């Protein structure tokens, strides 16, 4: 383009994006979703509880087997012998 010539007319393009309509969410959909999330948390808590319980039982068994090797005088017993029945 030369300095003295007018610019060609500019015609803008208008683009209209048409989105698909969103699916409506009902109360039942929200309740089902919340029950699903609650179920996931419940299963996770049960699995974590079983793992923690198994680790505790294994630790106690390891501790008991270690204490059986030491002399009786050096151990500190917190349990009392059972009472005799009358």
N, C-alpha and C. Protein backbone atom coordinates (compact mmCIF):
# COMPACT_ATOMS: atom_id res chain seq x y z
N UNK A 1 0.83 -1.15 0.00
CA UNK A 1 0.00 0.00 0.00
C UNK A 1 0.89 1.24 0.00
N UNK A 2 0.43 2.11 -0.76
CA UNK A 2 1.18 3.35 -0.88
C UNK A 2 0.64 4.37 0.09
N UNK A 3 1.43 5.38 0.29
CA UNK A 3 1.10 6.38 1.30
C UNK A 3 -0.16 7.15 0.96
N UNK A 4 -0.43 7.40 -0.26
CA UNK A 4 -1.56 8.23 -0.65
C UNK A 4 -2.84 7.47 -0.87
N UNK A 5 -2.81 6.14 -0.89
CA UNK A 5 -4.03 5.38 -1.19
C UNK A 5 -4.85 5.15 0.08
N UNK A 6 -6.15 5.17 -0.03
CA UNK A 6 -6.97 4.86 1.15
C UNK A 6 -6.92 3.35 1.44
N UNK A 7 -7.11 3.01 2.67
CA UNK A 7 -7.10 1.60 3.09
C UNK A 7 -8.36 0.91 2.59
N UNK A 8 -8.24 -0.36 2.23
CA UNK A 8 -9.45 -1.07 1.80
C UNK A 8 -10.40 -1.21 3.00
N UNK A 9 -11.68 -1.29 2.74
CA UNK A 9 -12.62 -1.39 3.87
C UNK A 9 -12.42 -2.71 4.63
N UNK A 10 -12.54 -2.61 5.95
CA UNK A 10 -12.35 -3.77 6.83
C UNK A 10 -13.72 -4.29 7.22
N UNK A 11 -13.96 -5.54 6.93
CA UNK A 11 -15.23 -6.16 7.31
C UNK A 11 -14.96 -7.20 8.39
N UNK A 12 -15.45 -6.98 9.57
CA UNK A 12 -15.17 -7.92 10.67
C UNK A 12 -15.96 -9.22 10.50
N UNK A 13 -15.37 -10.30 11.03
CA UNK A 13 -16.05 -11.59 11.05
C UNK A 13 -16.63 -11.79 12.45
N UNK A 14 -17.86 -12.11 12.52
CA UNK A 14 -18.50 -12.38 13.81
C UNK A 14 -18.73 -13.89 13.88
N UNK A 15 -18.13 -14.48 14.88
CA UNK A 15 -18.24 -15.93 15.07
C UNK A 15 -19.08 -16.16 16.31
N UNK A 16 -20.13 -16.88 16.15
CA UNK A 16 -21.00 -17.20 17.28
C UNK A 16 -20.81 -18.69 17.61
N UNK A 17 -20.32 -18.96 18.80
CA UNK A 17 -20.09 -20.33 19.25
C UNK A 17 -21.35 -20.81 19.94
N UNK A 18 -21.89 -21.87 19.41
CA UNK A 18 -23.11 -22.44 19.98
C UNK A 18 -22.71 -23.69 20.75
N UNK A 19 -22.91 -23.63 22.07
CA UNK A 19 -22.58 -24.78 22.91
C UNK A 19 -23.79 -25.68 23.03
N UNK A 20 -23.50 -26.94 23.30
CA UNK A 20 -24.59 -27.88 23.52
C UNK A 20 -25.23 -27.56 24.87
N UNK A 21 -26.50 -27.72 24.99
CA UNK A 21 -27.14 -27.41 26.27
C UNK A 21 -26.62 -28.35 27.36
N UNK A 22 -26.42 -27.79 28.54
CA UNK A 22 -25.92 -28.57 29.66
C UNK A 22 -27.01 -29.48 30.19
N UNK A 23 -26.60 -30.66 30.64
CA UNK A 23 -27.55 -31.60 31.21
C UNK A 23 -28.02 -31.06 32.56
N UNK A 24 -29.31 -31.11 32.80
CA UNK A 24 -29.84 -30.64 34.06
C UNK A 24 -29.50 -31.64 35.16
N UNK A 25 -29.19 -31.10 36.32
CA UNK A 25 -28.85 -31.94 37.47
C UNK A 25 -30.00 -31.85 38.46
N UNK A 26 -30.52 -32.99 38.82
CA UNK A 26 -31.64 -33.02 39.76
C UNK A 26 -31.14 -33.30 41.17
N UNK A 27 -32.05 -33.25 42.11
CA UNK A 27 -31.71 -33.53 43.50
C UNK A 27 -31.25 -34.98 43.65
N UNK A 28 -31.85 -35.87 42.90
CA UNK A 28 -31.47 -37.28 42.98
C UNK A 28 -30.02 -37.48 42.51
N UNK A 29 -29.61 -36.73 41.48
CA UNK A 29 -28.22 -36.83 41.01
C UNK A 29 -27.24 -36.37 42.08
N UNK A 30 -27.58 -35.30 42.77
CA UNK A 30 -26.72 -34.79 43.83
C UNK A 30 -26.65 -35.77 44.99
N UNK A 31 -27.79 -36.36 45.36
CA UNK A 31 -27.79 -37.34 46.45
C UNK A 31 -27.00 -38.59 46.09
N UNK A 32 -27.14 -39.07 44.88
CA UNK A 32 -26.37 -40.25 44.47
C UNK A 32 -24.88 -39.96 44.47
N UNK A 33 -24.50 -38.78 44.03
CA UNK A 33 -23.09 -38.42 44.05
C UNK A 33 -22.54 -38.34 45.47
N UNK A 34 -23.31 -37.75 46.38
CA UNK A 34 -22.84 -37.63 47.76
C UNK A 34 -22.78 -38.99 48.44
N UNK A 35 -23.73 -39.87 48.13
CA UNK A 35 -23.69 -41.23 48.70
C UNK A 35 -22.47 -41.98 48.15
N UNK A 36 -22.14 -41.76 46.89
CA UNK A 36 -20.95 -42.41 46.31
C UNK A 36 -19.68 -41.94 46.98
N UNK A 37 -19.57 -40.63 47.22
CA UNK A 37 -18.36 -40.10 47.87
C UNK A 37 -18.28 -40.61 49.31
N UNK A 38 -19.42 -40.66 49.99
CA UNK A 38 -19.44 -41.18 51.36
C UNK A 38 -19.02 -42.65 51.38
N UNK A 39 -19.46 -43.41 50.40
CA UNK A 39 -19.06 -44.82 50.32
C UNK A 39 -17.57 -44.98 50.10
N UNK A 40 -17.00 -44.11 49.27
CA UNK A 40 -15.55 -44.18 49.04
C UNK A 40 -14.80 -43.89 50.33
N UNK A 41 -15.25 -42.85 51.07
CA UNK A 41 -14.61 -42.54 52.36
C UNK A 41 -14.76 -43.69 53.35
N UNK A 42 -15.93 -44.31 53.36
CA UNK A 42 -16.18 -45.41 54.29
C UNK A 42 -15.27 -46.59 53.98
N UNK A 43 -15.17 -46.97 52.73
CA UNK A 43 -14.31 -48.09 52.34
C UNK A 43 -12.85 -47.76 52.66
N UNK A 44 -12.45 -46.53 52.38
CA UNK A 44 -11.07 -46.13 52.70
C UNK A 44 -10.78 -46.20 54.19
N UNK A 45 -11.75 -45.78 55.02
CA UNK A 45 -11.55 -45.84 56.47
C UNK A 45 -11.47 -47.27 56.96
N UNK A 46 -12.29 -48.16 56.39
CA UNK A 46 -12.26 -49.57 56.80
C UNK A 46 -10.93 -50.21 56.42
N UNK A 47 -10.47 -49.95 55.22
CA UNK A 47 -9.18 -50.50 54.78
C UNK A 47 -8.04 -49.96 55.64
N UNK A 48 -8.07 -48.66 55.91
CA UNK A 48 -7.03 -48.06 56.76
C UNK A 48 -7.08 -48.65 58.16
N UNK A 49 -8.28 -48.88 58.70
CA UNK A 49 -8.42 -49.48 60.03
C UNK A 49 -7.86 -50.90 60.07
N UNK A 50 -8.16 -51.68 59.03
CA UNK A 50 -7.62 -53.05 58.99
C UNK A 50 -6.09 -53.03 58.90
N UNK A 51 -5.54 -52.15 58.09
CA UNK A 51 -4.09 -52.08 57.97
C UNK A 51 -3.44 -51.63 59.27
N UNK A 52 -4.04 -50.63 59.91
CA UNK A 52 -3.49 -50.14 61.17
C UNK A 52 -3.62 -51.21 62.26
N UNK A 53 -4.74 -51.93 62.30
CA UNK A 53 -4.92 -53.00 63.27
C UNK A 53 -3.93 -54.14 63.05
N UNK A 54 -3.72 -54.50 61.79
CA UNK A 54 -2.75 -55.57 61.49
C UNK A 54 -1.34 -55.14 61.88
N UNK A 55 -1.00 -53.89 61.63
CA UNK A 55 0.33 -53.40 62.03
C UNK A 55 0.47 -53.41 63.54
N UNK A 56 -0.58 -53.04 64.26
CA UNK A 56 -0.52 -53.05 65.72
C UNK A 56 -0.37 -54.47 66.26
N UNK A 57 -1.11 -55.41 65.69
CA UNK A 57 -1.01 -56.81 66.14
C UNK A 57 0.37 -57.36 65.84
N UNK A 58 0.91 -57.07 64.66
CA UNK A 58 2.25 -57.55 64.32
C UNK A 58 3.30 -56.94 65.25
N UNK A 59 3.14 -55.66 65.59
CA UNK A 59 4.08 -55.01 66.50
C UNK A 59 4.03 -55.66 67.88
N UNK A 60 2.81 -55.92 68.36
CA UNK A 60 2.68 -56.54 69.68
C UNK A 60 3.28 -57.96 69.69
N UNK A 61 3.07 -58.72 68.62
CA UNK A 61 3.66 -60.07 68.56
C UNK A 61 5.18 -59.99 68.51
N UNK A 62 5.69 -59.03 67.76
CA UNK A 62 7.14 -58.87 67.69
C UNK A 62 7.69 -58.47 69.04
N UNK A 63 6.96 -57.57 69.73
CA UNK A 63 7.40 -57.12 71.05
C UNK A 63 7.35 -58.26 72.06
N UNK A 64 6.30 -59.08 72.00
CA UNK A 64 6.20 -60.21 72.92
C UNK A 64 7.28 -61.24 72.66
N UNK A 65 7.59 -61.50 71.41
CA UNK A 65 8.64 -62.48 71.11
C UNK A 65 10.01 -61.93 71.53
N UNK A 66 10.19 -60.64 71.47
CA UNK A 66 11.45 -60.04 71.90
C UNK A 66 11.57 -60.08 73.42
N UNK A 67 10.44 -59.88 74.12
CA UNK A 67 10.47 -59.88 75.58
C UNK A 67 10.66 -61.27 76.16
N UNK A 68 10.30 -62.32 75.43
CA UNK A 68 10.49 -63.67 75.92
C UNK A 68 11.97 -64.03 75.97
N UNK A 69 12.78 -63.39 75.17
CA UNK A 69 14.21 -63.68 75.17
C UNK A 69 14.94 -63.02 76.33
N UNK A 70 14.36 -61.98 76.93
CA UNK A 70 15.04 -61.28 78.02
C UNK A 70 14.70 -61.96 79.34
N UNK A 71 15.56 -61.80 80.34
CA UNK A 71 15.27 -62.40 81.65
C UNK A 71 14.02 -61.78 82.27
N UNK A 72 13.38 -62.55 83.13
CA UNK A 72 12.12 -62.12 83.73
C UNK A 72 12.34 -60.94 84.66
N UNK A 73 13.48 -60.85 85.31
CA UNK A 73 13.75 -59.78 86.27
C UNK A 73 13.82 -58.41 85.59
N UNK A 74 14.21 -58.38 84.33
CA UNK A 74 14.37 -57.10 83.65
C UNK A 74 13.09 -56.59 83.01
N UNK A 75 12.05 -57.41 82.91
CA UNK A 75 10.81 -56.97 82.26
C UNK A 75 9.89 -56.33 83.27
N UNK A 76 9.11 -55.41 82.82
CA UNK A 76 8.16 -54.70 83.66
C UNK A 76 6.77 -55.18 83.28
N UNK A 77 6.17 -55.97 84.14
CA UNK A 77 4.88 -56.58 83.86
C UNK A 77 3.76 -55.67 84.38
N UNK A 78 2.81 -55.34 83.53
CA UNK A 78 1.69 -54.51 83.93
C UNK A 78 0.42 -55.33 84.16
N UNK A 79 0.46 -56.60 83.86
CA UNK A 79 -0.73 -57.42 84.03
C UNK A 79 -0.70 -58.11 85.38
N UNK A 80 -1.87 -58.35 85.93
CA UNK A 80 -1.98 -59.07 87.20
C UNK A 80 -2.42 -60.50 86.91
N UNK A 81 -2.02 -61.41 87.73
CA UNK A 81 -2.49 -62.79 87.52
C UNK A 81 -3.99 -62.86 87.79
N UNK A 82 -4.69 -63.79 87.14
CA UNK A 82 -6.13 -63.88 87.35
C UNK A 82 -6.45 -64.28 88.80
N UNK A 83 -7.58 -63.79 89.29
CA UNK A 83 -8.00 -64.11 90.65
C UNK A 83 -8.50 -65.54 90.71
N UNK A 84 -8.23 -66.22 91.79
CA UNK A 84 -8.75 -67.58 91.92
C UNK A 84 -10.26 -67.54 92.12
N UNK A 85 -10.95 -68.48 91.53
CA UNK A 85 -12.41 -68.55 91.68
C UNK A 85 -12.78 -69.23 92.99
N UNK A 86 -13.78 -68.72 93.62
CA UNK A 86 -14.18 -69.33 94.91
C UNK A 86 -15.47 -70.10 94.76
